[in-house]
Amino acid sequence: MVVAGGSGFIGSHLCEALLARGHRVLDLDDHSTGRVSNVAHLRDNDRFVLLEGDVTDEDIEGRVAAVIGRNKKDKKTKRSKRTKNKKK
């Protein structure tokens, strides 16, 4: 899930709720009104990514795709390591 403005008061609570339900969350925020401190406690969660930017940035689509692609690659790597360990 992408939460635009996820570092704001409402957005940070939405990020928490989505994580509690098992979703992966990408917080896209330019921090013009939101604060990193609102999501600092979420940064250690493997399913949470904070991306500083604005939905109107020209390169935002590529930046979001890069983060999503990196997370998928990390997930596949973790899964293949678990599979290899089980076979031993």
C-alpha atoms as a PDB file:
ATOM      1  CA  MET A   1       0.000   0.000   0.000  1.00  0.00           C
ATOM      2  CA  VAL A   2       1.217   3.497  -0.776  1.00  0.00           C
ATOM      3  CA  VAL A   3       0.190   6.116   1.767  1.00  0.00           C
ATOM      4  CA  ALA A   4       0.713   9.646   0.468  1.00  0.00           C
ATOM      5  CA  GLY A   5       1.314  11.868   3.474  1.00  0.00           C
ATOM      6  CA  GLY A   6       2.004   8.895   5.712  1.00  0.00           C
ATOM      7  CA  SER A   7       4.193  10.926   8.066  1.00  0.00           C
ATOM      8  CA  GLY A   8       1.358  13.245   9.054  1.00  0.00           C
ATOM      9  CA  PHE A   9      -0.921  12.721  12.034  1.00  0.00           C
ATOM     10  CA  ILE A  10      -3.661  10.839  10.181  1.00  0.00           C
ATOM     11  CA  GLY A  11      -1.306   9.181   7.697  1.00  0.00           C
ATOM     12  CA  SER A  12       0.949   7.772  10.400  1.00  0.00           C
ATOM     13  CA  HIS A  13      -2.036   6.181  12.128  1.00  0.00           C
ATOM     14  CA  LEU A  14      -3.158   4.751   8.788  1.00  0.00           C
ATOM     15  CA  CYS A  15       0.332   3.276   8.278  1.00  0.00           C
ATOM     16  CA  GLU A  16       0.156   1.675  11.735  1.00  0.00           C
ATOM     17  CA  ALA A  17      -3.282   0.197  11.036  1.00  0.00           C
ATOM     18  CA  LEU A  18      -2.222  -1.222   7.656  1.00  0.00           C
ATOM     19  CA  LEU A  19       0.910  -2.771   9.138  1.00  0.00           C
ATOM     20  CA  ALA A  20      -1.156  -4.282  11.956  1.00  0.00           C
ATOM     21  CA  ARG A  21      -3.299  -5.944   9.283  1.00  0.00           C
ATOM     22  CA  GLY A  22      -0.219  -7.442   7.632  1.00  0.00           C
ATOM     23  CA  HIS A  23       0.161  -5.077   4.674  1.00  0.00           C
ATOM     24  CA  ARG A  24       3.421  -3.748   3.306  1.00  0.00           C
ATOM     25  CA  VAL A  25       3.378   0.040   3.483  1.00  0.00           C
ATOM     26  CA  LEU A  26       5.257   2.669   1.514  1.00  0.00           C
ATOM     27  CA  ASP A  27       4.964   6.106   3.136  1.00  0.00           C
ATOM     28  CA  LEU A  28       5.438   8.790   0.484  1.00  0.00           C
ATOM     29  CA  ASP A  29       5.794  12.156   2.172  1.00  0.00           C
ATOM     30  CA  ASP A  30       7.579  15.427   1.406  1.00  0.00           C
ATOM     31  CA  HIS A  31       7.466  16.366   5.115  1.00  0.00           C
ATOM     32  CA  SER A  32       6.063  19.808   4.387  1.00  0.00           C
ATOM     33  CA  THR A  33       3.592  19.229   7.224  1.00  0.00           C
ATOM     34  CA  GLY A  34       4.274  15.652   8.316  1.00  0.00           C
ATOM     35  CA  ARG A  35       7.117  14.694  10.618  1.00  0.00           C
ATOM     36  CA  VAL A  36       9.527  11.792  10.474  1.00  0.00           C
ATOM     37  CA  SER A  37       9.071  11.461  14.236  1.00  0.00           C
ATOM     38  CA  ASN A  38       5.453  10.361  13.595  1.00  0.00           C
ATOM     39  CA  VAL A  39       6.699   7.188  11.893  1.00  0.00           C
ATOM     40  CA  ALA A  40      10.080   6.722  13.574  1.00  0.00           C
ATOM     41  CA  HIS A  41       8.760   3.734  15.520  1.00  0.00           C
ATOM     42  CA  LEU A  42       7.737   2.034  12.256  1.00  0.00           C
ATOM     43  CA  ARG A  43      11.132   2.233  10.544  1.00  0.00           C
ATOM     44  CA  ASP A  44      12.377  -1.046  12.050  1.00  0.00           C
ATOM     45  CA  ASN A  45       9.422  -2.911  10.536  1.00  0.00           C
ATOM     46  CA  ASP A  46      10.517  -4.848   7.419  1.00  0.00           C
ATOM     47  CA  ARG A  47       7.150  -4.131   5.807  1.00  0.00           C
ATOM     48  CA  PHE A  48       7.499  -0.340   6.128  1.00  0.00           C
ATOM     49  CA  VAL A  49       9.408   1.963   3.769  1.00  0.00           C
ATOM     50  CA  LEU A  50       9.654   5.735   4.075  1.00  0.00           C
ATOM     51  CA  LEU A  51      10.252   7.525   0.773  1.00  0.00           C
ATOM     52  CA  GLU A  52      10.746  11.273   0.877  1.00  0.00           C
ATOM     53  CA  GLY A  53       9.052  12.919  -2.055  1.00  0.00           C
ATOM     54  CA  ASP A  54       5.889  14.458  -3.431  1.00  0.00           C
ATOM     55  CA  VAL A  55       3.300  12.850  -5.682  1.00  0.00           C
ATOM     56  CA  THR A  56       3.884  15.712  -8.133  1.00  0.00           C
ATOM     57  CA  ASP A  57       7.642  15.047  -8.474  1.00  0.00           C
ATOM     58  CA  GLU A  58       8.492  14.233 -12.088  1.00  0.00           C
ATOM     59  CA  ASP A  59      10.554  11.183 -11.164  1.00  0.00           C
ATOM     60  CA  ILE A  60       8.285   9.840  -8.441  1.00  0.00           C
ATOM     61  CA  GLU A  61       6.904   6.943 -10.474  1.00  0.00           C
ATOM     62  CA  GLY A  62      10.388   5.568 -11.089  1.00  0.00           C
ATOM     63  CA  ARG A  63      11.435   6.087  -7.476  1.00  0.00           C
ATOM     64  CA  VAL A  64       8.358   4.260  -6.176  1.00  0.00           C
ATOM     65  CA  ALA A  65       8.869   1.453  -8.704  1.00  0.00           C
ATOM     66  CA  ALA A  66      12.499   1.126  -7.612  1.00  0.00           C
ATOM     67  CA  VAL A  67      11.496   0.772  -3.962  1.00  0.00           C
ATOM     68  CA  ILE A  68       8.742  -1.719  -4.746  1.00  0.00           C
ATOM     69  CA  GLY A  69      11.050  -3.723  -6.994  1.00  0.00           C
ATOM     70  CA  ARG A  70      13.785  -3.741  -4.352  1.00  0.00           C
ATOM     71  CA  ASN A  71      11.322  -4.999  -1.724  1.00  0.00           C
ATOM     72  CA  LYS A  72      10.126  -7.799  -4.022  1.00  0.00           C
ATOM     73  CA  LYS A  73      13.736  -8.802  -4.698  1.00  0.00           C
ATOM     74  CA  ASP A  74      14.539  -8.786  -0.952  1.00  0.00           C
ATOM     75  CA  LYS A  75      11.458 -10.894  -0.249  1.00  0.00           C
ATOM     76  CA  LYS A  76      12.446 -13.455  -2.910  1.00  0.00           C
ATOM     77  CA  THR A  77      15.987 -13.611  -1.510  1.00  0.00           C
ATOM     78  CA  LYS A  78      14.705 -14.213   2.033  1.00  0.00           C
ATOM     79  CA  ARG A  79      12.293 -16.883   0.760  1.00  0.00           C
ATOM     80  CA  SER A  80      15.018 -18.713  -1.206  1.00  0.00           C
ATOM     81  CA  LYS A  81      17.335 -18.669   1.836  1.00  0.00           C
ATOM     82  CA  ARG A  82      14.580 -20.185   4.001  1.00  0.00           C
ATOM     83  CA  THR A  83      13.937 -22.875   1.378  1.00  0.00           C
ATOM     84  CA  LYS A  84      17.630 -23.745   1.159  1.00  0.00           C
ATOM     85  CA  ASN A  85      17.904 -23.968   4.936  1.00  0.00           C
ATOM     86  CA  LYS A  86      14.901 -26.312   5.129  1.00  0.00           C
ATOM     87  CA  LYS A  87      16.412 -28.696   2.541  1.00  0.00           C
ATOM     88  CA  LYS A  88      19.616 -29.149   4.556  1.00  0.00           C
END
